[in-house]
Amino acid sequence: MSGEIINRVANSKLITLDLEDYYPSGDRVKLDISDWLFEGIILKEKDFRESVKEHDWSAYLNSYVAVVCSTDAIIPSWAYLLISASLTPFAKKFVIGDLELLENIIFQEVIATIPVDQFEGAPVIIKGCSEKNIPNSAYAQLTQRLVPVVKSLMFGEACSSVPLFKKKS
């Protein structure tokens, strides 16, 4: 027995896929429109339109924006469309909903662009630990795309992975 340490993981055909590598750059911003409402709950069209007109939309340049109303106000659809028209020239992406929904939608689009044919017949591990906020739904969507093409699928790190799927021979 020689004293040489062999890195079997580095020598294996195992492919590690890290969703953090696909994390799109850009600030994630919440735009709460409740301040544009009378007493925080009543939308007065003239005042609302004025607030939208006077808002500095350039602050959202190349950002991802979640448009929310933090009060229980009833917001008509046209109000969100007015905001959408103002955000479109600046934001990379925006949603009517919270930051969690925004991140889910961002990653739904990211997962759809990953060319999974590169993983055809390969053992793949989806890296589990990341410093960035990767939503659980992204891992589920990625799994859904990979299962039809991979030989096997695991989650975690190469040294301590959780088996998820293995193609039957």
N, C-alpha and C. Protein backbone atom coordinates (compact mmCIF):
# COMPACT_ATOMS: atom_id res chain seq x y z
N MET A 1 0.85 -1.18 0.00
CA MET A 1 0.00 0.00 0.00
C MET A 1 0.89 1.24 0.00
N SER A 2 0.76 2.03 -1.03
CA SER A 2 1.55 3.25 -1.08
C SER A 2 0.85 4.32 -0.26
N GLY A 3 1.54 5.34 0.13
CA GLY A 3 0.99 6.41 0.94
C GLY A 3 0.35 7.51 0.10
N GLU A 4 0.25 7.28 -1.18
CA GLU A 4 -0.29 8.30 -2.07
C GLU A 4 -1.82 8.41 -1.91
N ILE A 5 -2.30 9.65 -1.80
CA ILE A 5 -3.73 9.89 -1.71
C ILE A 5 -4.25 10.16 -3.11
N ILE A 6 -5.25 9.42 -3.48
CA ILE A 6 -5.82 9.56 -4.82
C ILE A 6 -7.20 10.21 -4.70
N ASN A 7 -7.40 11.27 -5.46
CA ASN A 7 -8.69 11.96 -5.48
C ASN A 7 -9.58 11.25 -6.50
N ARG A 8 -10.40 10.33 -5.99
CA ARG A 8 -11.27 9.55 -6.88
C ARG A 8 -12.36 10.41 -7.50
N VAL A 9 -12.78 11.44 -6.81
CA VAL A 9 -13.82 12.32 -7.34
C VAL A 9 -13.29 13.07 -8.57
N ALA A 10 -12.07 13.61 -8.46
CA ALA A 10 -11.47 14.35 -9.58
C ALA A 10 -11.25 13.43 -10.77
N ASN A 11 -10.98 12.16 -10.53
CA ASN A 11 -10.72 11.22 -11.60
C ASN A 11 -11.99 10.56 -12.15
N SER A 12 -13.13 10.84 -11.55
CA SER A 12 -14.37 10.21 -12.00
C SER A 12 -15.01 11.00 -13.13
N LYS A 13 -16.03 10.43 -13.73
CA LYS A 13 -16.77 11.10 -14.80
C LYS A 13 -17.90 11.96 -14.25
N LEU A 14 -17.97 12.08 -12.95
CA LEU A 14 -19.02 12.84 -12.28
C LEU A 14 -18.96 14.32 -12.68
N ILE A 15 -20.10 14.85 -13.09
CA ILE A 15 -20.20 16.26 -13.48
C ILE A 15 -20.93 17.00 -12.36
N THR A 16 -20.32 18.06 -11.87
CA THR A 16 -20.95 18.88 -10.85
C THR A 16 -21.60 20.08 -11.51
N LEU A 17 -22.87 20.28 -11.23
CA LEU A 17 -23.62 21.41 -11.77
C LEU A 17 -23.96 22.33 -10.61
N ASP A 18 -23.43 23.54 -10.66
CA ASP A 18 -23.64 24.51 -9.59
C ASP A 18 -24.54 25.64 -10.10
N LEU A 19 -25.75 25.73 -9.58
CA LEU A 19 -26.68 26.77 -10.03
C LEU A 19 -26.16 28.17 -9.73
N GLU A 20 -25.25 28.30 -8.79
CA GLU A 20 -24.68 29.60 -8.50
C GLU A 20 -23.92 30.14 -9.73
N ASP A 21 -23.39 29.23 -10.56
CA ASP A 21 -22.70 29.64 -11.78
C ASP A 21 -23.65 30.31 -12.77
N TYR A 22 -24.93 30.05 -12.63
CA TYR A 22 -25.94 30.59 -13.54
C TYR A 22 -26.70 31.77 -12.93
N TYR A 23 -26.31 32.17 -11.72
CA TYR A 23 -27.01 33.23 -11.01
C TYR A 23 -26.88 34.55 -11.78
N PRO A 24 -27.98 35.11 -12.25
CA PRO A 24 -27.88 36.35 -13.03
C PRO A 24 -27.53 37.56 -12.16
N SER A 25 -26.62 38.37 -12.65
CA SER A 25 -26.23 39.55 -11.88
C SER A 25 -27.32 40.61 -11.99
N GLY A 26 -27.38 41.44 -11.00
CA GLY A 26 -28.37 42.51 -10.94
C GLY A 26 -29.01 42.54 -9.57
N ASP A 27 -29.26 43.74 -9.09
CA ASP A 27 -29.90 43.90 -7.78
C ASP A 27 -31.32 43.37 -7.82
N ARG A 28 -31.74 42.83 -6.70
CA ARG A 28 -33.13 42.45 -6.49
C ARG A 28 -33.74 43.53 -5.61
N VAL A 29 -34.82 44.16 -6.10
CA VAL A 29 -35.39 45.32 -5.43
C VAL A 29 -36.89 45.13 -5.24
N LYS A 30 -37.37 45.55 -4.08
CA LYS A 30 -38.82 45.53 -3.81
C LYS A 30 -39.34 46.95 -3.94
N LEU A 31 -40.36 47.12 -4.77
CA LEU A 31 -41.02 48.41 -4.95
C LEU A 31 -42.41 48.31 -4.31
N ASP A 32 -42.56 48.96 -3.17
CA ASP A 32 -43.84 48.94 -2.45
C ASP A 32 -44.65 50.17 -2.85
N ILE A 33 -45.78 49.94 -3.47
CA ILE A 33 -46.59 51.06 -3.98
C ILE A 33 -47.59 51.60 -2.96
N SER A 34 -47.60 51.06 -1.76
CA SER A 34 -48.58 51.52 -0.77
C SER A 34 -48.41 53.00 -0.43
N ASP A 35 -47.19 53.52 -0.59
CA ASP A 35 -46.96 54.95 -0.32
C ASP A 35 -47.65 55.84 -1.35
N TRP A 36 -48.04 55.28 -2.46
CA TRP A 36 -48.70 56.05 -3.52
C TRP A 36 -50.22 56.05 -3.36
N LEU A 37 -50.71 55.45 -2.28
CA LEU A 37 -52.14 55.34 -2.04
C LEU A 37 -52.57 56.30 -0.94
N PHE A 38 -53.77 56.79 -1.05
CA PHE A 38 -54.33 57.66 -0.01
C PHE A 38 -54.52 56.84 1.25
N GLU A 39 -53.89 57.29 2.34
CA GLU A 39 -53.90 56.59 3.63
C GLU A 39 -53.42 55.14 3.50
N GLY A 40 -52.65 54.89 2.45
CA GLY A 40 -52.06 53.57 2.26
C GLY A 40 -53.01 52.51 1.75
N ILE A 41 -54.28 52.85 1.56
CA ILE A 41 -55.23 51.81 1.15
C ILE A 41 -56.17 52.18 0.00
N ILE A 42 -56.25 53.46 -0.34
CA ILE A 42 -57.19 53.88 -1.38
C ILE A 42 -56.43 54.44 -2.57
N LEU A 43 -56.68 53.85 -3.74
CA LEU A 43 -56.04 54.34 -4.94
C LEU A 43 -56.91 55.43 -5.57
N LYS A 44 -56.38 56.63 -5.57
CA LYS A 44 -57.03 57.74 -6.27
C LYS A 44 -56.28 57.89 -7.58
N GLU A 45 -56.99 57.70 -8.68
CA GLU A 45 -56.33 57.61 -9.99
C GLU A 45 -55.42 58.81 -10.28
N LYS A 46 -55.91 60.00 -10.11
CA LYS A 46 -55.11 61.19 -10.44
C LYS A 46 -53.83 61.23 -9.61
N ASP A 47 -53.95 61.02 -8.30
CA ASP A 47 -52.77 61.05 -7.42
C ASP A 47 -51.82 59.90 -7.73
N PHE A 48 -52.39 58.73 -8.00
CA PHE A 48 -51.56 57.56 -8.32
C PHE A 48 -50.77 57.80 -9.60
N ARG A 49 -51.44 58.29 -10.63
CA ARG A 49 -50.77 58.58 -11.90
C ARG A 49 -49.65 59.60 -11.69
N GLU A 50 -49.89 60.58 -10.85
CA GLU A 50 -48.87 61.60 -10.56
C GLU A 50 -47.66 60.96 -9.86
N SER A 51 -47.92 60.06 -8.91
CA SER A 51 -46.83 59.37 -8.22
C SER A 51 -45.99 58.54 -9.19
N VAL A 52 -46.66 57.85 -10.10
CA VAL A 52 -45.95 57.05 -11.10
C VAL A 52 -45.13 57.95 -12.00
N LYS A 53 -45.72 59.07 -12.41
CA LYS A 53 -45.04 60.01 -13.31
C LYS A 53 -43.80 60.62 -12.65
N GLU A 54 -43.90 60.93 -11.37
CA GLU A 54 -42.80 61.60 -10.66
C GLU A 54 -41.73 60.64 -10.13
N HIS A 55 -42.01 59.37 -10.13
CA HIS A 55 -41.05 58.39 -9.58
C HIS A 55 -39.80 58.30 -10.45
N ASP A 56 -38.65 58.12 -9.82
CA ASP A 56 -37.38 57.98 -10.54
C ASP A 56 -37.18 56.53 -10.96
N TRP A 57 -37.65 56.19 -12.14
CA TRP A 57 -37.59 54.82 -12.64
C TRP A 57 -36.18 54.40 -13.00
N SER A 58 -35.31 55.36 -13.24
CA SER A 58 -33.93 55.02 -13.60
C SER A 58 -33.19 54.34 -12.45
N ALA A 59 -33.73 54.44 -11.25
CA ALA A 59 -33.12 53.77 -10.09
C ALA A 59 -33.17 52.24 -10.24
N TYR A 60 -34.00 51.75 -11.16
CA TYR A 60 -34.16 50.31 -11.35
C TYR A 60 -33.38 49.79 -12.56
N LEU A 61 -32.49 50.61 -13.09
CA LEU A 61 -31.72 50.22 -14.26
C LEU A 61 -30.96 48.92 -14.01
N ASN A 62 -31.18 47.94 -14.87
CA ASN A 62 -30.52 46.62 -14.79
C ASN A 62 -30.81 45.88 -13.49
N SER A 63 -31.93 46.16 -12.89
CA SER A 63 -32.34 45.49 -11.65
C SER A 63 -33.49 44.54 -11.91
N TYR A 64 -33.71 43.66 -10.96
CA TYR A 64 -34.87 42.78 -10.94
C TYR A 64 -35.80 43.35 -9.88
N VAL A 65 -37.06 43.58 -10.23
CA VAL A 65 -37.95 44.32 -9.35
C VAL A 65 -39.20 43.50 -9.01
N ALA A 66 -39.51 43.47 -7.74
CA ALA A 66 -40.75 42.86 -7.24
C ALA A 66 -41.67 44.01 -6.84
N VAL A 67 -42.78 44.14 -7.54
CA VAL A 67 -43.74 45.21 -7.26
C VAL A 67 -44.79 44.66 -6.30
N VAL A 68 -44.88 45.28 -5.13
CA VAL A 68 -45.81 44.81 -4.10
C VAL A 68 -46.61 45.98 -3.54
N CYS A 69 -47.68 45.62 -2.89
CA CYS A 69 -48.42 46.58 -2.07
C CYS A 69 -48.51 45.95 -0.69
N SER A 70 -47.87 46.57 0.28
CA SER A 70 -47.76 45.97 1.62
C SER A 70 -49.02 46.15 2.46
N THR A 71 -50.00 46.83 1.93
CA THR A 71 -51.27 46.97 2.66
C THR A 71 -52.33 46.10 1.99
N ASP A 72 -53.50 46.03 2.59
CA ASP A 72 -54.59 45.22 2.05
C ASP A 72 -55.43 45.98 1.02
N ALA A 73 -54.82 46.93 0.36
CA ALA A 73 -55.54 47.72 -0.64
C ALA A 73 -55.91 46.88 -1.85
N ILE A 74 -56.99 47.24 -2.48
CA ILE A 74 -57.37 46.60 -3.73
C ILE A 74 -56.81 47.47 -4.85
N ILE A 75 -55.89 46.88 -5.61
CA ILE A 75 -55.22 47.60 -6.68
C ILE A 75 -55.80 47.13 -8.01
N PRO A 76 -56.35 48.05 -8.81
CA PRO A 76 -56.88 47.63 -10.11
C PRO A 76 -55.76 47.23 -11.06
N SER A 77 -56.08 46.37 -11.99
CA SER A 77 -55.08 45.85 -12.94
C SER A 77 -54.38 46.97 -13.71
N TRP A 78 -55.12 47.99 -14.11
CA TRP A 78 -54.51 49.05 -14.91
C TRP A 78 -53.36 49.72 -14.17
N ALA A 79 -53.43 49.77 -12.83
CA ALA A 79 -52.38 50.43 -12.05
C ALA A 79 -51.06 49.66 -12.19
N TYR A 80 -51.14 48.32 -12.15
CA TYR A 80 -49.94 47.51 -12.34
C TYR A 80 -49.41 47.64 -13.76
N LEU A 81 -50.33 47.79 -14.73
CA LEU A 81 -49.90 47.96 -16.12
C LEU A 81 -49.21 49.30 -16.31
N LEU A 82 -49.69 50.32 -15.63
CA LEU A 82 -49.06 51.63 -15.68
C LEU A 82 -47.64 51.56 -15.13
N ILE A 83 -47.49 50.88 -14.02
CA ILE A 83 -46.16 50.68 -13.43
C ILE A 83 -45.28 49.88 -14.37
N SER A 84 -45.85 48.84 -14.97
CA SER A 84 -45.11 47.99 -15.91
C SER A 84 -44.57 48.80 -17.08
N ALA A 85 -45.39 49.69 -17.61
CA ALA A 85 -44.95 50.53 -18.72
C ALA A 85 -43.78 51.42 -18.33
N SER A 86 -43.78 51.87 -17.08
CA SER A 86 -42.70 52.73 -16.61
C SER A 86 -41.43 51.95 -16.29
N LEU A 87 -41.58 50.72 -15.81
CA LEU A 87 -40.42 49.90 -15.45
C LEU A 87 -39.72 49.28 -16.66
N THR A 88 -40.48 49.00 -17.70
CA THR A 88 -39.96 48.25 -18.85
C THR A 88 -38.66 48.80 -19.42
N PRO A 89 -38.49 50.10 -19.59
CA PRO A 89 -37.23 50.57 -20.18
C PRO A 89 -36.01 50.40 -19.26
N PHE A 90 -36.23 50.10 -17.99
CA PHE A 90 -35.12 50.10 -17.04
C PHE A 90 -34.80 48.74 -16.44
N ALA A 91 -35.81 48.05 -15.96
CA ALA A 91 -35.60 46.80 -15.22
C ALA A 91 -35.25 45.64 -16.17
N LYS A 92 -34.37 44.74 -15.69
CA LYS A 92 -34.10 43.52 -16.45
C LYS A 92 -35.34 42.65 -16.47
N LYS A 93 -36.02 42.61 -15.34
CA LYS A 93 -37.22 41.78 -15.18
C LYS A 93 -37.98 42.34 -13.99
N PHE A 94 -39.30 42.23 -14.05
CA PHE A 94 -40.10 42.60 -12.88
C PHE A 94 -41.30 41.70 -12.80
N VAL A 95 -41.81 41.56 -11.59
CA VAL A 95 -43.01 40.76 -11.34
C VAL A 95 -43.93 41.55 -10.43
N ILE A 96 -45.20 41.22 -10.51
CA ILE A 96 -46.16 41.74 -9.54
C ILE A 96 -46.23 40.65 -8.48
N GLY A 97 -45.51 40.86 -7.41
CA GLY A 97 -45.40 39.86 -6.35
C GLY A 97 -44.15 40.12 -5.54
N ASP A 98 -43.89 39.25 -4.59
CA ASP A 98 -42.78 39.46 -3.67
C ASP A 98 -41.44 39.01 -4.25
N LEU A 99 -40.39 39.22 -3.45
CA LEU A 99 -39.03 38.88 -3.90
C LEU A 99 -38.86 37.38 -4.12
N GLU A 100 -39.58 36.57 -3.35
CA GLU A 100 -39.51 35.11 -3.53
C GLU A 100 -40.06 34.72 -4.90
N LEU A 101 -41.20 35.28 -5.27
CA LEU A 101 -41.76 35.01 -6.59
C LEU A 101 -40.80 35.48 -7.68
N LEU A 102 -40.22 36.64 -7.49
CA LEU A 102 -39.27 37.18 -8.46
C LEU A 102 -38.12 36.21 -8.68
N GLU A 103 -37.53 35.73 -7.60
CA GLU A 103 -36.39 34.81 -7.71
C GLU A 103 -36.82 33.50 -8.38
N ASN A 104 -38.01 33.01 -8.05
CA ASN A 104 -38.51 31.79 -8.68
C ASN A 104 -38.64 31.96 -10.19
N ILE A 105 -39.17 33.09 -10.61
CA ILE A 105 -39.35 33.33 -12.04
C ILE A 105 -38.01 33.54 -12.74
N ILE A 106 -37.11 34.24 -12.10
CA ILE A 106 -35.77 34.42 -12.68
C ILE A 106 -35.14 33.05 -12.94
N PHE A 107 -35.20 32.18 -11.94
CA PHE A 107 -34.56 30.87 -12.10
C PHE A 107 -35.33 29.94 -13.02
N GLN A 108 -36.62 30.12 -13.13
CA GLN A 108 -37.38 29.34 -14.10
C GLN A 108 -36.83 29.61 -15.50
N GLU A 109 -36.56 30.87 -15.79
CA GLU A 109 -35.99 31.24 -17.08
C GLU A 109 -34.55 30.74 -17.23
N VAL A 110 -33.77 30.83 -16.17
CA VAL A 110 -32.39 30.36 -16.20
C VAL A 110 -32.33 28.86 -16.48
N ILE A 111 -33.12 28.09 -15.76
CA ILE A 111 -33.13 26.62 -15.91
C ILE A 111 -33.51 26.24 -17.35
N ALA A 112 -34.44 26.98 -17.93
CA ALA A 112 -34.89 26.68 -19.29
C ALA A 112 -33.78 26.87 -20.32
N THR A 113 -32.78 27.67 -20.00
CA THR A 113 -31.70 27.94 -20.97
C THR A 113 -30.50 27.01 -20.82
N ILE A 114 -30.46 26.21 -19.78
CA ILE A 114 -29.31 25.31 -19.58
C ILE A 114 -29.40 24.19 -20.61
N PRO A 115 -28.35 24.04 -21.44
CA PRO A 115 -28.38 22.96 -22.46
C PRO A 115 -28.12 21.60 -21.80
N VAL A 116 -29.19 20.87 -21.52
CA VAL A 116 -29.06 19.62 -20.77
C VAL A 116 -28.46 18.49 -21.60
N ASP A 117 -28.39 18.65 -22.91
CA ASP A 117 -27.81 17.58 -23.73
C ASP A 117 -26.34 17.33 -23.38
N GLN A 118 -25.67 18.31 -22.80
CA GLN A 118 -24.28 18.13 -22.38
C GLN A 118 -24.14 17.12 -21.23
N PHE A 119 -25.25 16.77 -20.59
CA PHE A 119 -25.24 15.83 -19.47
C PHE A 119 -25.76 14.44 -19.87
N GLU A 120 -25.96 14.25 -21.15
CA GLU A 120 -26.52 12.99 -21.68
C GLU A 120 -25.70 11.79 -21.21
N GLY A 121 -26.37 10.88 -20.49
CA GLY A 121 -25.76 9.64 -20.03
C GLY A 121 -24.68 9.80 -18.97
N ALA A 122 -24.57 10.95 -18.36
CA ALA A 122 -23.52 11.21 -17.37
C ALA A 122 -24.05 11.13 -15.95
N PRO A 123 -23.16 10.79 -15.01
CA PRO A 123 -23.53 10.93 -13.60
C PRO A 123 -23.37 12.41 -13.22
N VAL A 124 -24.43 12.98 -12.67
CA VAL A 124 -24.43 14.42 -12.38
C VAL A 124 -24.76 14.63 -10.91
N ILE A 125 -24.06 15.60 -10.33
CA ILE A 125 -24.37 16.02 -8.97
C ILE A 125 -24.74 17.50 -9.01
N ILE A 126 -25.89 17.81 -8.44
CA ILE A 126 -26.31 19.21 -8.31
C ILE A 126 -25.72 19.71 -7.00
N LYS A 127 -24.86 20.71 -7.11
CA LYS A 127 -24.20 21.24 -5.91
C LYS A 127 -25.24 21.85 -4.98
N GLY A 128 -25.15 21.52 -3.72
CA GLY A 128 -26.17 21.92 -2.77
C GLY A 128 -25.89 23.20 -2.02
N CYS A 129 -24.66 23.47 -1.68
CA CYS A 129 -24.36 24.65 -0.88
C CYS A 129 -24.03 25.82 -1.80
N SER A 130 -24.63 26.96 -1.52
CA SER A 130 -24.29 28.14 -2.30
C SER A 130 -24.38 29.36 -1.40
N GLU A 131 -23.65 30.37 -1.78
CA GLU A 131 -23.65 31.61 -1.00
C GLU A 131 -24.80 32.53 -1.45
N LYS A 132 -25.33 32.27 -2.64
CA LYS A 132 -26.41 33.09 -3.16
C LYS A 132 -27.74 32.40 -2.90
N ASN A 133 -28.80 33.17 -2.96
CA ASN A 133 -30.14 32.66 -2.69
C ASN A 133 -30.67 31.92 -3.91
N ILE A 134 -30.56 30.61 -3.90
CA ILE A 134 -31.11 29.78 -4.97
C ILE A 134 -32.40 29.17 -4.43
N PRO A 135 -33.54 29.46 -5.08
CA PRO A 135 -34.81 28.93 -4.56
C PRO A 135 -34.92 27.42 -4.74
N ASN A 136 -35.61 26.77 -3.81
CA ASN A 136 -35.82 25.32 -3.90
C ASN A 136 -36.50 24.94 -5.21
N SER A 137 -37.37 25.80 -5.70
CA SER A 137 -38.05 25.49 -6.95
C SER A 137 -37.07 25.37 -8.11
N ALA A 138 -35.96 26.08 -8.05
CA ALA A 138 -34.94 25.99 -9.11
C ALA A 138 -34.32 24.60 -9.13
N TYR A 139 -34.04 24.06 -7.95
CA TYR A 139 -33.48 22.71 -7.88
C TYR A 139 -34.48 21.69 -8.41
N ALA A 140 -35.75 21.89 -8.09
CA ALA A 140 -36.79 20.97 -8.57
C ALA A 140 -36.93 21.04 -10.09
N GLN A 141 -36.92 22.24 -10.64
CA GLN A 141 -37.02 22.40 -12.09
C GLN A 141 -35.80 21.81 -12.80
N LEU A 142 -34.63 22.02 -12.20
CA LEU A 142 -33.42 21.46 -12.79
C LEU A 142 -33.47 19.93 -12.78
N THR A 143 -33.95 19.37 -11.69
CA THR A 143 -34.10 17.91 -11.60
C THR A 143 -35.04 17.41 -12.69
N GLN A 144 -36.14 18.11 -12.88
CA GLN A 144 -37.11 17.73 -13.90
C GLN A 144 -36.48 17.72 -15.30
N ARG A 145 -35.59 18.66 -15.55
CA ARG A 145 -34.94 18.71 -16.87
C ARG A 145 -33.84 17.67 -17.01
N LEU A 146 -33.17 17.33 -15.91
CA LEU A 146 -32.03 16.42 -15.99
C LEU A 146 -32.41 14.94 -15.99
N VAL A 147 -33.43 14.56 -15.25
CA VAL A 147 -33.78 13.14 -15.11
C VAL A 147 -33.91 12.42 -16.46
N PRO A 148 -34.54 13.00 -17.47
CA PRO A 148 -34.66 12.27 -18.73
C PRO A 148 -33.33 12.01 -19.47
N VAL A 149 -32.28 12.75 -19.12
CA VAL A 149 -31.04 12.62 -19.90
C VAL A 149 -29.85 12.03 -19.14
N VAL A 150 -29.81 12.17 -17.83
CA VAL A 150 -28.62 11.74 -17.08
C VAL A 150 -28.64 10.24 -16.78
N LYS A 151 -27.45 9.74 -16.47
CA LYS A 151 -27.33 8.34 -16.03
C LYS A 151 -27.75 8.24 -14.57
N SER A 152 -27.26 9.20 -13.78
CA SER A 152 -27.64 9.27 -12.36
C SER A 152 -27.61 10.72 -11.92
N LEU A 153 -28.36 10.99 -10.86
CA LEU A 153 -28.45 12.35 -10.35
C LEU A 153 -28.34 12.31 -8.83
N MET A 154 -27.49 13.21 -8.33
CA MET A 154 -27.28 13.32 -6.88
C MET A 154 -27.35 14.79 -6.49
N PHE A 155 -27.46 15.03 -5.20
CA PHE A 155 -27.53 16.39 -4.68
C PHE A 155 -26.56 16.51 -3.52
N GLY A 156 -25.87 17.63 -3.45
CA GLY A 156 -24.96 17.88 -2.33
C GLY A 156 -23.55 18.15 -2.82
N GLU A 157 -22.62 17.52 -2.16
CA GLU A 157 -21.20 17.60 -2.51
C GLU A 157 -20.73 16.20 -2.85
N ALA A 158 -19.68 16.12 -3.65
CA ALA A 158 -19.19 14.81 -4.08
C ALA A 158 -18.84 13.90 -2.90
N CYS A 159 -18.39 14.50 -1.81
CA CYS A 159 -17.99 13.70 -0.65
C CYS A 159 -19.18 13.26 0.20
N SER A 160 -20.32 13.92 0.05
CA SER A 160 -21.50 13.57 0.85
C SER A 160 -22.77 13.91 0.09
N SER A 161 -23.03 13.14 -0.94
CA SER A 161 -24.18 13.43 -1.79
C SER A 161 -25.38 12.56 -1.43
N VAL A 162 -26.53 13.04 -1.81
CA VAL A 162 -27.78 12.31 -1.62
C VAL A 162 -28.23 11.82 -3.00
N PRO A 163 -28.34 10.50 -3.17
CA PRO A 163 -28.80 10.00 -4.48
C PRO A 163 -30.26 10.37 -4.72
N LEU A 164 -30.55 10.84 -5.94
CA LEU A 164 -31.90 11.25 -6.30
C LEU A 164 -32.51 10.34 -7.37
N PHE A 165 -31.69 9.93 -8.31
CA PHE A 165 -32.19 9.19 -9.45
C PHE A 165 -31.06 8.37 -10.06
N LYS A 166 -31.42 7.16 -10.50
CA LYS A 166 -30.47 6.33 -11.23
C LYS A 166 -31.24 5.64 -12.35
N LYS A 167 -30.75 5.83 -13.59
CA LYS A 167 -31.42 5.24 -14.75
C LYS A 167 -31.31 3.72 -14.65
N LYS A 168 -32.42 3.05 -14.91
CA LYS A 168 -32.43 1.59 -14.87
C LYS A 168 -31.72 1.07 -16.11
N SER A 169 -30.88 0.03 -15.91
CA SER A 169 -30.13 -0.51 -17.05
C SER A 169 -30.97 -1.44 -17.87
